[in-house]
């Protein structure tokens, strides 16, 4: 039991350290959601410190937990068994007895709800709503994805136009894009071409600069 408690405490403390480092330079940037998560982590750590005491108080309770065997419970058990038949790794080869299902459900709920700072403070109705929204496409996210696709198309068009302009003569009446040229525009970059390789080099450099920017000192400028 002590090892299990220490494991969960270490997990929560790692999350706390991440949040503390993220807002160490300017704590005012932490929004209410972050503050609530920190508060919940502190509460969970306090509860974990008391878990041995809670077990000691509960030691007199019989170890066997009776489960009512009626049609409703059998219906839920049948549905659960059907789910397990397509999620064979869930019980990790434990026999699908009633006690095994109860243990799985208890562990799953504690690990993912009770000990998750982002879920533990939710009211029951809020938790159900959160789970229901997992399969729904957020309207704002859908709009953002649509706009990103539009931006990509515009950038692709501009790059294609620039590529075509570079193939035109430097001077003279031939230096213009005619309607006939639009039907032959290339919309993708050949990764093996000089332009494609230059773009890959830039992307790697860009990623490296973004990583360095997170740890650089204010006097180390890397911008244009």
Protein backbone atom coordinates (compact mmCIF):
# COMPACT_ATOMS: atom_id res chain seq x y z
CA UNK A 1 0.00 0.00 0.00
CA UNK A 2 2.82 2.39 0.85
CA UNK A 3 4.40 1.90 -2.59
CA UNK A 4 1.07 2.57 -4.29
CA UNK A 5 0.63 5.78 -2.29
CA UNK A 6 4.17 6.92 -3.07
CA UNK A 7 3.67 6.21 -6.78
CA UNK A 8 0.54 8.38 -6.94
CA UNK A 9 2.17 11.12 -4.85
CA UNK A 10 5.17 11.19 -7.20
CA UNK A 11 2.86 11.48 -10.22
CA UNK A 12 0.99 14.42 -8.70
CA UNK A 13 4.22 16.13 -7.61
CA UNK A 14 5.62 15.85 -11.15
CA UNK A 15 2.54 17.61 -12.47
CA UNK A 16 2.86 20.27 -9.77
CA UNK A 17 6.51 20.85 -10.70
CA UNK A 18 5.58 21.29 -14.36
CA UNK A 19 2.99 23.93 -13.50
CA UNK A 20 5.34 25.72 -11.09
CA UNK A 21 8.17 25.89 -13.64
CA UNK A 22 5.81 27.04 -16.39
CA UNK A 23 4.65 30.06 -14.41
CA UNK A 24 7.74 30.64 -12.25
CA UNK A 25 8.76 33.83 -14.12
CA UNK A 26 5.30 35.37 -14.00
CA UNK A 27 2.72 33.68 -11.72
CA UNK A 28 0.09 36.21 -12.85
CA UNK A 29 -0.11 34.41 -16.21
CA UNK A 30 -1.65 31.38 -14.53
CA UNK A 31 -5.38 31.40 -15.29
CA UNK A 32 -8.13 30.17 -12.98
CA UNK A 33 -8.10 26.71 -14.52
CA UNK A 34 -4.41 26.30 -13.60
CA UNK A 35 -4.98 27.66 -10.10
CA UNK A 36 -7.85 25.21 -9.60
CA UNK A 37 -5.66 22.33 -10.76
CA UNK A 38 -2.89 23.32 -8.33
CA UNK A 39 -5.42 23.52 -5.50
CA UNK A 40 -6.79 20.10 -6.40
CA UNK A 41 -3.29 18.56 -6.51
CA UNK A 42 -2.62 19.91 -3.02
CA UNK A 43 -5.91 18.41 -1.81
CA UNK A 44 -5.13 15.03 -3.37
CA UNK A 45 -1.69 14.98 -1.78
CA UNK A 46 -3.30 15.65 1.60
CA UNK A 47 -5.80 12.84 1.03
CA UNK A 48 -3.03 10.42 0.04
CA UNK A 49 -1.21 11.22 3.27
CA UNK A 50 -4.29 10.01 5.12
CA UNK A 51 -4.92 6.86 3.09
CA UNK A 52 -3.19 4.53 5.58
CA UNK A 53 -5.30 6.05 8.36
CA UNK A 54 -8.46 5.52 6.33
CA UNK A 55 -7.54 1.88 5.73
CA UNK A 56 -6.92 1.38 9.44
CA UNK A 57 -10.36 2.81 10.23
CA UNK A 58 -11.91 0.48 7.67
CA UNK A 59 -10.07 -2.66 8.82
CA UNK A 60 -13.04 -3.90 10.82
CA UNK A 61 -15.26 -3.97 7.74
CA UNK A 62 -15.69 -7.48 6.24
CA UNK A 63 -13.34 -8.10 3.30
CA UNK A 64 -16.07 -9.61 1.13
CA UNK A 65 -18.23 -7.13 -0.78
CA UNK A 66 -21.67 -8.53 -1.64
CA UNK A 67 -23.03 -7.58 -5.07
CA UNK A 68 -26.76 -7.65 -5.66
CA UNK A 69 -27.67 -10.20 -8.32
CA UNK A 70 -30.77 -8.89 -10.07
CA UNK A 71 -31.77 -8.37 -13.71
CA UNK A 72 -30.47 -4.81 -13.77
CA UNK A 73 -27.03 -5.82 -12.53
CA UNK A 74 -26.96 -8.76 -14.93
CA UNK A 75 -27.80 -6.41 -17.81
CA UNK A 76 -24.89 -4.08 -16.95
CA UNK A 77 -22.57 -7.04 -16.47
CA UNK A 78 -23.53 -8.47 -19.87
CA UNK A 79 -22.83 -5.13 -21.57
CA UNK A 80 -19.52 -4.84 -19.75
CA UNK A 81 -18.51 -8.36 -20.79
CA UNK A 82 -19.37 -7.50 -24.39
CA UNK A 83 -17.12 -4.43 -24.18
CA UNK A 84 -14.33 -6.53 -22.66
CA UNK A 85 -14.56 -8.97 -25.56
CA UNK A 86 -13.28 -6.21 -27.86
CA UNK A 87 -10.90 -4.70 -25.27
CA UNK A 88 -9.05 -7.81 -24.17
CA UNK A 89 -6.11 -5.89 -22.67
CA UNK A 90 -8.35 -4.09 -20.15
CA UNK A 91 -8.37 -6.84 -17.52
CA UNK A 92 -4.93 -8.17 -18.48
CA UNK A 93 -5.92 -11.84 -18.50
CA UNK A 94 -7.87 -11.61 -15.22
CA UNK A 95 -10.91 -13.84 -15.28
CA UNK A 96 -14.08 -11.86 -15.98
CA UNK A 97 -15.77 -12.71 -12.71
CA UNK A 98 -18.02 -10.28 -10.90
CA UNK A 99 -15.26 -9.45 -8.44
CA UNK A 100 -12.77 -8.84 -11.30
CA UNK A 101 -15.20 -6.47 -13.03
CA UNK A 102 -15.80 -4.64 -9.74
CA UNK A 103 -12.04 -4.32 -9.16
CA UNK A 104 -11.44 -3.07 -12.69
CA UNK A 105 -14.21 -0.47 -12.44
CA UNK A 106 -12.98 0.72 -9.03
CA UNK A 107 -9.35 1.05 -10.16
CA UNK A 108 -10.30 2.73 -13.41
CA UNK A 109 -12.48 5.29 -11.64
CA UNK A 110 -9.89 6.08 -8.97
CA UNK A 111 -6.96 6.32 -11.41
CA UNK A 112 -8.74 8.44 -14.01
CA UNK A 113 -11.25 10.45 -11.97
CA UNK A 114 -10.40 10.61 -8.28
CA UNK A 115 -6.63 11.02 -8.72
CA UNK A 116 -6.81 13.19 -11.84
CA UNK A 117 -6.70 16.85 -10.69
CA UNK A 118 -8.62 17.95 -13.79
CA UNK A 119 -11.50 15.57 -13.05
CA UNK A 120 -11.56 15.15 -9.28
CA UNK A 121 -13.17 18.52 -8.54
CA UNK A 122 -15.93 18.14 -11.13
CA UNK A 123 -19.46 17.60 -9.95
CA UNK A 124 -21.12 14.41 -11.12
CA UNK A 125 -23.17 16.25 -13.76
CA UNK A 126 -20.05 18.05 -15.03
CA UNK A 127 -18.15 14.79 -15.25
CA UNK A 128 -20.91 13.14 -17.26
CA UNK A 129 -21.08 16.17 -19.55
CA UNK A 130 -17.31 16.08 -20.08
CA UNK A 131 -17.43 12.41 -21.03
CA UNK A 132 -20.36 13.00 -23.39
CA UNK A 133 -18.46 15.77 -25.15
CA UNK A 134 -15.44 13.57 -25.90
CA UNK A 135 -17.06 12.36 -29.12
CA UNK A 136 -18.50 15.72 -30.15
CA UNK A 137 -16.63 18.02 -32.49
CA UNK A 138 -16.22 21.41 -30.89
CA UNK A 139 -17.78 24.11 -33.08
CA UNK A 140 -14.90 26.53 -32.52
CA UNK A 141 -12.33 23.84 -33.26
CA UNK A 142 -14.17 22.92 -36.46
CA UNK A 143 -14.09 26.55 -37.54
CA UNK A 144 -10.38 26.84 -36.73
CA UNK A 145 -9.60 23.68 -38.73
CA UNK A 146 -11.58 25.07 -41.68
CA UNK A 147 -9.72 28.38 -41.52
CA UNK A 148 -6.35 26.60 -41.27
CA UNK A 149 -7.19 24.58 -44.37
CA UNK A 150 -8.09 27.82 -46.16
CA UNK A 151 -4.80 29.42 -45.05
CA UNK A 152 -2.86 26.42 -46.31
CA UNK A 153 -4.58 26.70 -49.69
CA UNK A 154 -3.77 30.40 -49.93
CA UNK A 155 -0.12 29.84 -48.99
CA UNK A 156 0.11 27.00 -51.50
CA UNK A 157 -1.34 29.27 -54.20
CA UNK A 158 1.06 32.12 -53.39
CA UNK A 159 4.04 29.77 -53.45
CA UNK A 160 2.88 28.28 -56.75
CA UNK A 161 2.47 31.74 -58.25
CA UNK A 162 5.93 32.77 -57.04
CA UNK A 163 7.42 29.63 -58.55
CA UNK A 164 5.77 30.36 -61.91
CA UNK A 165 6.91 33.99 -61.83
CA UNK A 166 10.49 32.83 -61.33
CA UNK A 167 10.26 30.77 -64.53
CA UNK A 168 9.24 33.77 -66.66
CA UNK A 169 11.69 35.88 -68.67
CA UNK A 170 13.25 38.78 -66.80
CA UNK A 171 11.92 41.35 -69.26
CA UNK A 172 9.48 41.70 -72.12
CA UNK A 173 5.83 41.00 -72.82
CA UNK A 174 6.32 37.31 -72.04
CA UNK A 175 6.80 38.18 -68.36
CA UNK A 176 3.18 37.74 -67.38
CA UNK A 177 0.97 34.93 -66.20
CA UNK A 178 -1.70 34.06 -68.73
CA UNK A 179 -4.92 32.22 -67.88
CA UNK A 180 -3.55 29.19 -69.68
CA UNK A 181 -0.73 28.89 -67.18
CA UNK A 182 -3.11 28.39 -64.25
CA UNK A 183 -4.10 24.95 -65.47
CA UNK A 184 -0.50 23.79 -65.11
CA UNK A 185 0.31 25.28 -61.71
CA UNK A 186 2.14 22.92 -59.34
CA UNK A 187 0.49 22.89 -55.92
CA UNK A 188 2.97 20.76 -53.97
CA UNK A 189 6.71 21.07 -53.34
CA UNK A 190 8.92 18.28 -54.64
CA UNK A 191 10.80 17.19 -51.51
CA UNK A 192 13.77 16.06 -53.63
CA UNK A 193 14.15 19.39 -55.42
CA UNK A 194 16.45 22.19 -54.27
CA UNK A 195 13.40 24.13 -53.11
CA UNK A 196 12.03 21.13 -51.20
CA UNK A 197 15.34 20.48 -49.47
CA UNK A 198 15.67 24.16 -48.60
CA UNK A 199 12.20 24.06 -47.02
CA UNK A 200 13.09 20.98 -44.96
CA UNK A 201 16.27 22.68 -43.75
CA UNK A 202 14.29 25.76 -42.78
CA UNK A 203 11.70 23.68 -40.89
CA UNK A 204 14.41 21.95 -38.86
CA UNK A 205 16.10 25.27 -38.12
CA UNK A 206 12.73 26.79 -37.18
CA UNK A 207 11.95 23.96 -34.78
CA UNK A 208 15.39 24.28 -33.20
CA UNK A 209 14.99 28.04 -32.76
CA UNK A 210 11.58 27.58 -31.11
CA UNK A 211 13.08 25.08 -28.68
CA UNK A 212 16.02 27.34 -27.88
CA UNK A 213 13.72 30.33 -27.47
CA UNK A 214 12.03 28.67 -24.49
CA UNK A 215 15.30 28.55 -22.56
CA UNK A 216 17.30 31.45 -23.94
CA UNK A 217 18.20 34.57 -22.00
CA UNK A 218 16.56 37.86 -22.98
CA UNK A 219 19.81 39.18 -24.46
CA UNK A 220 20.19 36.23 -26.85
CA UNK A 221 18.14 37.42 -29.81
CA UNK A 222 17.33 34.99 -32.60
CA UNK A 223 14.65 37.00 -34.35
CA UNK A 224 15.09 38.91 -37.62
